[in-house]
Amino acid sequence: MGKSALEQTFINLWKIYYPEIILTPDLKIIPQRQFRYDFVHCPTKVAIEIQGGTYGRSRQGHSSGVGLDRDYEKNNLALINGYLVFQLSCKMITPTWLEKIKDVILSRLENNT
């Protein structure tokens, strides 16, 4: 599956700031479900979702009732399976938010050793 421009922006920044922390793109993490997460740090069960179309008025996008229900289900199932999911809007793809995600990943790595 091709990356959106926002996903590409995120991963480009991530590789500049934290090239040593490998994120797996477009990954299914919930057994028996087709939900994919934009990026996952597998060892720490940290998932990252880039929410495009946040400011649009799409009927079938993330901001519609159906889209929101699907996102709620997806993220609740991730939580049940031990994942922490960061959801980022286009305005949150910044070094500040990347640092927060990196800090959580490093904290989870420390707690798992």
Protein backbone atom coordinates (compact mmCIF):
# COMPACT_ATOMS: atom_id res chain seq x y z
CA MET A 1 0.00 0.00 0.00
CA GLY A 2 1.37 3.45 -0.89
CA LYS A 3 2.07 6.02 1.75
CA SER A 4 0.13 9.27 1.95
CA ALA A 5 2.06 12.53 1.79
CA LEU A 6 1.53 12.96 5.56
CA GLU A 7 2.84 9.47 6.30
CA GLN A 8 5.87 10.15 4.13
CA THR A 9 6.49 13.45 5.92
CA PHE A 10 6.30 11.67 9.28
CA ILE A 11 8.70 8.88 8.34
CA ASN A 12 11.15 11.31 6.72
CA LEU A 13 11.29 13.35 9.93
CA TRP A 14 11.53 10.20 12.04
CA LYS A 15 14.52 8.98 10.04
CA ILE A 16 16.24 12.35 10.49
CA TYR A 17 15.73 12.52 14.25
CA TYR A 18 15.64 8.86 15.33
CA PRO A 19 17.17 6.64 12.64
CA GLU A 20 18.18 4.08 15.27
CA ILE A 21 14.53 3.40 16.24
CA ILE A 22 13.00 1.25 13.51
CA LEU A 23 9.29 1.61 12.79
CA THR A 24 7.48 -1.00 10.71
CA PRO A 25 5.03 0.56 8.25
CA ASP A 26 1.50 -0.58 7.39
CA LEU A 27 1.27 -3.43 9.89
CA LYS A 28 -1.62 -5.61 11.07
CA ILE A 29 -1.36 -6.02 14.85
CA ILE A 30 -4.79 -7.38 15.81
CA PRO A 31 -5.34 -11.12 15.33
CA GLN A 32 -8.16 -12.05 12.94
CA ARG A 33 -8.70 -8.42 11.88
CA GLN A 34 -7.64 -6.51 8.78
CA PHE A 35 -6.90 -3.23 10.56
CA ARG A 36 -3.49 -1.83 9.62
CA TYR A 37 -1.50 0.74 11.55
CA ASP A 38 0.59 3.32 9.74
CA PHE A 39 3.74 2.66 11.80
CA VAL A 40 4.52 0.26 14.65
CA HIS A 41 7.49 -0.13 16.94
CA CYS A 42 7.03 -3.86 17.45
CA PRO A 43 9.29 -4.49 20.48
CA THR A 44 7.39 -1.94 22.59
CA LYS A 45 3.91 -2.26 21.06
CA VAL A 46 3.73 1.42 20.17
CA ALA A 47 1.60 2.18 17.11
CA ILE A 48 1.30 5.47 15.25
CA GLU A 49 -1.68 6.51 13.16
CA ILE A 50 -1.46 9.54 10.89
CA GLN A 51 -4.98 10.95 10.62
CA GLY A 52 -5.35 12.59 7.24
CA GLY A 53 -8.51 14.45 6.33
CA THR A 54 -8.99 15.72 9.86
CA TYR A 55 -10.11 19.11 8.65
CA GLY A 56 -12.14 17.92 5.66
CA ARG A 57 -15.84 17.17 5.47
CA SER A 58 -15.70 13.66 4.09
CA ARG A 59 -18.74 11.48 4.71
CA GLN A 60 -16.69 8.31 4.72
CA GLY A 61 -13.46 9.56 6.25
CA HIS A 62 -12.25 9.52 9.82
CA SER A 63 -14.58 12.35 10.82
CA SER A 64 -17.83 10.66 9.76
CA GLY A 65 -19.87 8.61 12.23
CA VAL A 66 -18.98 5.38 10.44
CA GLY A 67 -15.31 6.39 10.22
CA LEU A 68 -15.16 7.35 13.88
CA ASP A 69 -16.79 4.07 14.94
CA ARG A 70 -14.23 2.14 12.87
CA ASP A 71 -11.34 4.13 14.39
CA TYR A 72 -12.68 3.65 17.93
CA GLU A 73 -13.00 -0.08 17.39
CA LYS A 74 -9.54 -0.30 15.84
CA ASN A 75 -7.85 1.60 18.66
CA ASN A 76 -9.78 -0.16 21.44
CA LEU A 77 -8.76 -3.55 20.01
CA ALA A 78 -5.15 -2.36 19.88
CA LEU A 79 -5.39 -1.40 23.55
CA ILE A 80 -6.87 -4.80 24.45
CA ASN A 81 -3.88 -6.38 22.67
CA GLY A 82 -1.37 -4.33 24.68
CA TYR A 83 -0.64 -1.57 22.17
CA LEU A 84 -0.37 2.13 22.82
CA VAL A 85 -1.62 4.09 19.80
CA PHE A 86 -0.56 7.64 19.05
CA GLN A 87 -2.94 9.46 16.72
CA LEU A 88 -1.43 12.42 14.92
CA SER A 89 -3.17 15.06 12.84
CA CYS A 90 -1.27 16.87 10.10
CA LYS A 91 -0.47 19.68 12.55
CA MET A 92 1.08 17.21 14.98
CA ILE A 93 3.77 15.90 12.64
CA THR A 94 6.42 17.97 14.37
CA PRO A 95 9.72 17.36 16.14
CA THR A 96 7.92 17.96 19.47
CA TRP A 97 5.48 15.08 18.94
CA LEU A 98 8.15 12.82 17.48
CA GLU A 99 10.19 13.37 20.63
CA LYS A 100 7.22 12.42 22.83
CA ILE A 101 6.74 9.20 20.87
CA LYS A 102 10.47 8.46 21.06
CA ASP A 103 10.40 9.02 24.83
CA VAL A 104 7.55 6.53 25.27
CA ILE A 105 9.34 3.96 23.11
CA LEU A 106 12.57 4.34 25.11
CA SER A 107 10.67 4.16 28.40
CA ARG A 108 8.94 0.96 27.32
CA LEU A 109 12.28 -0.50 26.22
CA GLU A 110 13.78 0.28 29.64
CA ASN A 111 10.82 -1.28 31.44
CA ASN A 112 11.03 -4.47 29.35
CA THR A 113 14.70 -5.18 30.11
